[in-house]
């Protein structure tokens, strides 16, 4: 690994010196604009806002929503830059991440820190133009990047806490989507917890795929300290726990707000089962979740799920409340 890294380092530095214009490309790369697609999950908060408050559904919400998406992308990129700065030494132990610009030494760490600050300031400045709750949610997203990456807290090094703390970004994105259309009140907590649990499930799946890719527990622990405690069994067990948490709080949502949503359960169960199976594939795509959005089947399945959930949120089906025991004689 050390010899391979030195060779990669030498070749990359020579290429960079020969082509000065490549430096800008490297600074763009550490901001990971290809990961912005993950921010589509904030639109679930927007969809929930429209379902619960139909009066907000109009073209008038588009400018604020667009500004909110831009702010979220900039704040997320700020967190990505910080992650790359502080993980550079550890990334050199990873078979793929060892080629990242900071890990190879192609760009200045000092300039990367400046990029982190500028992206964070630009994102929060845009967030302030939306409304105060959106701004506070954006600051929370920025703070989670610090909590997750910066010592001595650095939650990414602690088993279980690493998954839960990174998955917190899911309910934060939900809040950003919720507030981006002008709402000022807090959304139902059951929605946020369900979304957090689902995010933790996917994150644990990503961890499992990464862990299995190393095929060597000691080498894995050099890359990520939490891998010294994790095993296949522990990660898989945690995935079941998080999936159960999601389905439980989704049931709370169905019971309280829209029992018709129970008809979407088979689609969600298939999604959870298929995601779990992906973690065991060689070079699993779960190691790079953003690439799922480049898979036509995933996009089609996501669109179908979204349409079914939206339709079930807007219609009433006669008899379903009686069938679930929500109406009529009680225990």
Protein backbone atom coordinates (compact mmCIF):
# COMPACT_ATOMS: atom_id res chain seq x y z
CA UNK A 1 0.00 0.00 0.00
CA UNK A 2 2.81 2.42 0.92
CA UNK A 3 4.74 1.75 -2.33
CA UNK A 4 1.59 2.12 -4.41
CA UNK A 5 0.73 5.38 -2.72
CA UNK A 6 4.21 6.84 -3.27
CA UNK A 7 4.03 5.95 -6.96
CA UNK A 8 0.54 7.45 -7.26
CA UNK A 9 1.71 10.55 -5.36
CA UNK A 10 4.72 11.08 -7.66
CA UNK A 11 2.77 10.64 -10.90
CA UNK A 12 -0.07 12.92 -9.74
CA UNK A 13 2.32 15.67 -8.60
CA UNK A 14 4.16 15.57 -11.94
CA UNK A 15 0.87 15.83 -13.86
CA UNK A 16 -0.29 18.69 -11.67
CA UNK A 17 2.95 20.61 -12.12
CA UNK A 18 2.79 20.15 -15.88
CA UNK A 19 -0.80 21.40 -16.05
CA UNK A 20 -1.35 24.28 -13.57
CA UNK A 21 -5.02 24.61 -14.57
CA UNK A 22 -5.70 21.26 -12.92
CA UNK A 23 -5.46 22.87 -9.47
CA UNK A 24 -8.86 24.57 -9.81
CA UNK A 25 -10.38 21.26 -10.84
CA UNK A 26 -9.03 19.66 -7.67
CA UNK A 27 -10.56 22.37 -5.47
CA UNK A 28 -13.89 21.82 -7.19
CA UNK A 29 -13.50 18.06 -6.72
CA UNK A 30 -13.11 18.25 -2.93
CA UNK A 31 -16.39 20.22 -2.76
CA UNK A 32 -18.02 17.13 -4.34
CA UNK A 33 -20.65 18.77 -6.54
CA UNK A 34 -21.50 15.25 -7.76
CA UNK A 35 -22.89 14.63 -4.25
CA UNK A 36 -25.38 17.49 -4.51
CA UNK A 37 -27.90 15.00 -5.86
CA UNK A 38 -28.29 13.78 -2.26
CA UNK A 39 -30.03 17.05 -1.47
CA UNK A 40 -33.03 15.80 -3.42
CA UNK A 41 -34.05 14.30 -0.06
CA UNK A 42 -34.88 17.78 1.22
CA UNK A 43 -37.71 17.77 -1.31
CA UNK A 44 -39.47 15.11 0.78
CA UNK A 45 -39.83 17.81 3.43
CA UNK A 46 -41.25 20.11 0.77
CA UNK A 47 -43.69 17.43 -0.41
CA UNK A 48 -44.83 16.84 3.19
CA UNK A 49 -45.35 20.58 3.63
CA UNK A 50 -47.53 20.70 0.51
CA UNK A 51 -49.58 17.68 1.62
CA UNK A 52 -50.18 19.00 5.14
CA UNK A 53 -50.61 22.62 4.00
CA UNK A 54 -52.04 22.51 0.43
CA UNK A 55 -52.33 26.32 0.35
CA UNK A 56 -48.54 26.49 -0.08
CA UNK A 57 -48.60 24.54 -3.34
CA UNK A 58 -48.09 27.26 -5.94
CA UNK A 59 -45.50 28.74 -8.28
CA UNK A 60 -44.90 31.44 -5.66
CA UNK A 61 -42.94 28.92 -3.58
CA UNK A 62 -40.46 28.19 -6.39
CA UNK A 63 -38.01 31.13 -5.89
CA UNK A 64 -37.66 30.45 -2.17
CA UNK A 65 -37.27 26.72 -2.77
CA UNK A 66 -34.61 27.29 -5.44
CA UNK A 67 -32.69 29.58 -3.11
CA UNK A 68 -32.98 26.95 -0.38
CA UNK A 69 -31.61 24.19 -2.61
CA UNK A 70 -28.64 26.38 -3.59
CA UNK A 71 -27.92 27.21 0.07
CA UNK A 72 -28.10 23.54 1.06
CA UNK A 73 -25.69 22.51 -1.71
CA UNK A 74 -23.13 25.11 -0.65
CA UNK A 75 -23.35 24.13 3.03
CA UNK A 76 -23.04 20.44 2.12
CA UNK A 77 -19.97 21.20 0.01
CA UNK A 78 -18.43 23.08 2.93
CA UNK A 79 -18.83 19.94 5.04
CA UNK A 80 -17.35 17.79 2.27
CA UNK A 81 -14.26 20.01 2.06
CA UNK A 82 -13.75 19.77 5.82
CA UNK A 83 -14.13 16.00 5.63
CA UNK A 84 -11.47 15.73 2.91
CA UNK A 85 -9.05 17.95 4.85
CA UNK A 86 -9.28 16.03 8.11
CA UNK A 87 -9.47 12.57 6.49
CA UNK A 88 -6.52 12.99 4.11
CA UNK A 89 -4.12 10.89 6.20
CA UNK A 90 -6.69 8.13 6.72
CA UNK A 91 -7.75 8.15 3.06
CA UNK A 92 -4.26 6.98 2.13
CA UNK A 93 -5.19 3.60 3.63
CA UNK A 94 -8.26 3.27 1.39
CA UNK A 95 -7.87 1.52 -2.00
CA UNK A 96 -9.95 4.14 -3.81
CA UNK A 97 -9.95 7.28 -1.65
CA UNK A 98 -6.14 7.34 -1.64
CA UNK A 99 -6.37 9.14 -4.99
CA UNK A 100 -8.22 12.14 -3.56
CA UNK A 101 -6.40 15.46 -4.18
CA UNK A 102 -5.60 16.18 -0.53
CA UNK A 103 -4.58 12.59 0.18
CA UNK A 104 -2.11 12.72 -2.71
CA UNK A 105 -0.95 16.24 -1.81
CA UNK A 106 -2.03 18.01 -5.00
CA UNK A 107 -3.51 21.10 -3.33
CA UNK A 108 -2.80 23.35 -0.38
CA UNK A 109 -4.38 22.44 2.95
CA UNK A 110 -4.45 26.14 3.91
CA UNK A 111 -6.35 27.05 0.75
CA UNK A 112 -8.72 24.12 1.31
CA UNK A 113 -9.53 25.52 4.77
CA UNK A 114 -10.28 28.88 3.14
CA UNK A 115 -12.58 27.09 0.67
CA UNK A 116 -14.39 25.43 3.59
CA UNK A 117 -15.00 28.80 5.28
CA UNK A 118 -16.09 30.58 2.09
CA UNK A 119 -18.55 27.84 1.10
CA UNK A 120 -20.01 27.77 4.63
CA UNK A 121 -20.41 31.56 4.71
CA UNK A 122 -21.97 31.66 1.23
CA UNK A 123 -24.41 28.87 2.10
CA UNK A 124 -25.55 30.41 5.38
CA UNK A 125 -25.84 33.85 3.75
CA UNK A 126 -28.26 32.41 1.19
CA UNK A 127 -30.06 30.49 3.94
CA UNK A 128 -30.64 33.76 5.82
CA UNK A 129 -32.53 35.12 2.79
CA UNK A 130 -35.06 32.27 2.99
CA UNK A 131 -36.30 32.63 6.58
CA UNK A 132 -35.03 32.24 10.14
CA UNK A 133 -36.01 28.56 10.69
CA UNK A 134 -34.35 27.64 7.38
CA UNK A 135 -31.21 29.55 8.41
CA UNK A 136 -31.09 27.78 11.78
CA UNK A 137 -31.49 24.40 10.06
CA UNK A 138 -28.65 25.32 7.70
CA UNK A 139 -26.42 26.24 10.65
CA UNK A 140 -27.33 22.90 12.23
CA UNK A 141 -26.25 21.09 9.04
CA UNK A 142 -22.97 23.01 9.07
CA UNK A 143 -22.45 22.23 12.77
CA UNK A 144 -23.00 18.51 12.17
CA UNK A 145 -20.12 18.59 9.69
CA UNK A 146 -17.88 19.91 12.46
CA UNK A 147 -19.20 17.47 15.08
CA UNK A 148 -18.74 14.56 12.69
CA UNK A 149 -15.23 15.45 11.53
CA UNK A 150 -13.37 17.63 14.04
CA UNK A 151 -11.52 16.26 17.10
CA UNK A 152 -11.95 15.80 19.96
CA UNK A 153 -15.62 15.00 19.34
CA UNK A 154 -15.25 13.54 15.81
CA UNK A 155 -18.24 11.23 16.06
CA UNK A 156 -17.24 9.35 12.90
CA UNK A 157 -14.67 7.44 14.98
CA UNK A 158 -17.20 6.04 17.47
CA UNK A 159 -19.16 2.89 16.54
CA UNK A 160 -22.94 3.34 16.24
CA UNK A 161 -22.59 7.06 16.98
CA UNK A 162 -20.87 7.51 13.61
CA UNK A 163 -23.91 6.16 11.74
CA UNK A 164 -26.48 8.00 13.85
CA UNK A 165 -24.66 11.34 13.70
CA UNK A 166 -24.25 11.24 9.93
CA UNK A 167 -27.85 10.08 9.49
CA UNK A 168 -29.00 13.20 11.38
CA UNK A 169 -28.39 15.02 8.10
CA UNK A 170 -31.53 13.34 6.75
CA UNK A 171 -34.04 14.99 9.13
CA UNK A 172 -32.07 18.24 8.78
CA UNK A 173 -32.57 18.09 5.02
CA UNK A 174 -36.23 17.36 5.67
CA UNK A 175 -36.45 20.52 7.78
CA UNK A 176 -34.70 22.52 5.07
CA UNK A 177 -37.24 21.35 2.51
CA UNK A 178 -40.09 22.02 4.93
CA UNK A 179 -39.03 25.57 5.77
CA UNK A 180 -37.95 26.45 2.23
CA UNK A 181 -41.57 26.93 1.14
CA UNK A 182 -42.40 29.42 3.87
CA UNK A 183 -43.54 27.31 6.82
CA UNK A 184 -42.40 28.47 10.23
CA UNK A 185 -43.88 25.78 12.50
CA UNK A 186 -42.09 22.54 13.39
CA UNK A 187 -43.06 19.40 11.41
CA UNK A 188 -44.41 16.23 13.10
CA UNK A 189 -41.60 14.62 15.11
CA UNK A 190 -42.61 11.13 13.96
CA UNK A 191 -41.73 12.13 10.38
CA UNK A 192 -38.29 13.32 11.44
CA UNK A 193 -37.52 10.21 13.50
CA UNK A 194 -38.68 7.90 10.71
CA UNK A 195 -36.48 9.77 8.25
CA UNK A 196 -33.53 9.63 10.66
CA UNK A 197 -33.97 5.86 11.09
CA UNK A 198 -34.14 5.32 7.34
CA UNK A 199 -30.98 7.36 6.88
CA UNK A 200 -29.23 5.32 9.58
CA UNK A 201 -30.25 2.12 7.77
CA UNK A 202 -28.68 3.29 4.51
CA UNK A 203 -25.58 4.58 6.30
CA UNK A 204 -25.08 1.26 8.13
CA UNK A 205 -25.41 -0.46 4.75
CA UNK A 206 -22.68 1.81 3.38
CA UNK A 207 -20.46 0.97 6.37
CA UNK A 208 -21.03 -2.75 5.83
CA UNK A 209 -20.13 -2.48 2.14
CA UNK A 210 -16.96 -0.52 2.98
CA UNK A 211 -15.96 -2.96 5.72
CA UNK A 212 -16.39 -6.00 3.47
CA UNK A 213 -14.41 -4.36 0.67
CA UNK A 214 -11.23 -4.35 2.78
CA UNK A 215 -11.30 -8.11 3.48
CA UNK A 216 -8.83 -7.37 6.29
CA UNK A 217 -10.14 -6.09 9.67
CA UNK A 218 -6.76 -4.63 10.64
CA UNK A 219 -6.41 -2.69 7.39
CA UNK A 220 -10.02 -1.53 7.71
CA UNK A 221 -9.31 -0.23 11.23
CA UNK A 222 -6.37 1.82 9.90
CA UNK A 223 -8.77 3.60 7.57
CA UNK A 224 -11.67 4.04 10.00
CA UNK A 225 -11.21 3.51 13.74
CA UNK A 226 -14.79 2.40 14.26
CA UNK A 227 -14.02 -0.61 12.04
CA UNK A 228 -11.93 -1.99 14.89
CA UNK A 229 -15.22 -2.71 16.69
CA UNK A 230 -17.52 -3.36 13.76
CA UNK A 231 -18.02 -6.82 12.26
CA UNK A 232 -20.29 -8.06 9.49
CA UNK A 233 -22.71 -9.38 12.09
CA UNK A 234 -22.80 -6.18 14.15
CA UNK A 235 -23.35 -3.97 11.12
CA UNK A 236 -26.06 -6.22 9.71
CA UNK A 237 -27.80 -6.36 13.10
CA UNK A 238 -27.74 -2.56 13.32
CA UNK A 239 -29.31 -2.37 9.85
CA UNK A 240 -32.24 -4.48 11.08
CA UNK A 241 -32.61 -2.24 14.13
CA UNK A 242 -32.68 0.94 12.05
CA UNK A 243 -35.09 -0.57 9.49
CA UNK A 244 -37.40 -1.62 12.34
CA UNK A 245 -37.26 1.90 13.76
CA UNK A 246 -38.21 3.36 10.39
CA UNK A 247 -41.18 1.04 9.93
CA UNK A 248 -42.35 1.66 13.52
CA UNK A 249 -42.41 5.43 13.20
CA UNK A 250 -43.82 5.18 9.70
CA UNK A 251 -46.68 3.20 11.28
CA UNK A 252 -47.14 6.06 13.77
CA UNK A 253 -47.43 8.47 10.84
CA UNK A 254 -49.94 6.23 9.09
CA UNK A 255 -52.08 5.78 12.21
CA UNK A 256 -52.15 9.45 13.13
CA UNK A 257 -52.27 11.20 9.78
CA UNK A 258 -53.07 8.97 6.81
CA UNK A 259 -53.85 5.23 7.24
CA UNK A 260 -53.96 4.88 3.45
CA UNK A 261 -50.16 4.99 3.47
CA UNK A 262 -50.12 1.40 4.71
CA UNK A 263 -50.66 0.37 1.07
CA UNK A 264 -47.16 1.66 0.29
CA UNK A 265 -45.56 -0.69 2.83
CA UNK A 266 -44.73 -3.45 0.28
CA UNK A 267 -42.79 -0.95 -1.86
CA UNK A 268 -40.81 0.28 1.15
CA UNK A 269 -40.14 -3.26 2.38
CA UNK A 270 -38.78 -4.25 -1.04
CA UNK A 271 -36.55 -1.17 -1.03
CA UNK A 272 -35.15 -2.07 2.40
CA UNK A 273 -34.57 -5.70 1.43
CA UNK A 274 -32.87 -4.84 -1.83
CA UNK A 275 -30.65 -2.24 -0.17
CA UNK A 276 -29.53 -4.81 2.40
CA UNK A 277 -28.59 -7.22 -0.39
CA UNK A 278 -26.50 -4.55 -2.14
CA UNK A 279 -24.20 -4.33 0.88
CA UNK A 280 -22.94 -7.86 0.14
CA UNK A 281 -22.08 -7.26 -3.52
CA UNK A 282 -18.39 -6.88 -4.49
CA UNK A 283 -17.49 -3.23 -5.00
CA UNK A 284 -20.99 -2.37 -3.79
CA UNK A 285 -22.59 0.78 -5.11
CA UNK A 286 -23.61 1.55 -1.51
CA UNK A 287 -20.06 2.80 -0.99
CA UNK A 288 -21.03 5.68 -3.28
CA UNK A 289 -24.77 6.28 -2.64
CA UNK A 290 -24.86 9.27 -5.00
CA UNK A 291 -24.22 6.89 -7.90
CA UNK A 292 -27.58 5.25 -7.28
CA UNK A 293 -29.13 8.31 -8.90
CA UNK A 294 -27.36 7.37 -12.11
CA UNK A 295 -29.10 4.00 -12.20
CA UNK A 296 -32.26 4.10 -14.38
CA UNK A 297 -33.94 1.35 -12.35
CA UNK A 298 -33.37 3.25 -9.12
CA UNK A 299 -34.77 6.47 -10.57
CA UNK A 300 -37.84 4.67 -11.91
CA UNK A 301 -38.45 2.87 -8.62
CA UNK A 302 -37.99 6.13 -6.70
CA UNK A 303 -40.47 7.93 -8.94
CA UNK A 304 -43.01 5.13 -8.51
CA UNK A 305 -42.61 5.19 -4.71
CA UNK A 306 -42.92 8.97 -4.62
CA UNK A 307 -46.06 8.95 -6.79
CA UNK A 308 -47.67 6.19 -4.70
CA UNK A 309 -46.88 7.98 -1.43
CA UNK A 310 -48.20 11.27 -2.81
CA UNK A 311 -51.39 9.68 -4.13
CA UNK A 312 -52.06 7.86 -0.86
CA UNK A 313 -51.46 11.11 1.05
CA UNK A 314 -54.17 12.89 -0.93
CA UNK A 315 -56.97 10.34 -1.16
CA UNK A 316 -59.25 8.64 1.33
CA UNK A 317 -60.06 4.95 0.93
CA UNK A 318 -63.35 3.89 2.43
CA UNK A 319 -63.09 1.12 4.99
CA UNK A 320 -59.35 1.19 5.58
CA UNK A 321 -59.73 2.86 8.99
CA UNK A 322 -62.26 0.23 10.00
CA UNK A 323 -59.96 -2.54 8.70
CA UNK A 324 -57.05 -1.22 10.80
CA UNK A 325 -59.24 -0.82 13.87
CA UNK A 326 -59.00 2.96 13.90
CA UNK A 327 -62.76 3.28 13.80
CA UNK A 328 -65.52 1.31 15.49
CA UNK A 329 -65.28 -0.75 18.70
CA UNK A 330 -61.95 -0.47 20.53
CA UNK A 331 -60.19 -2.92 22.85
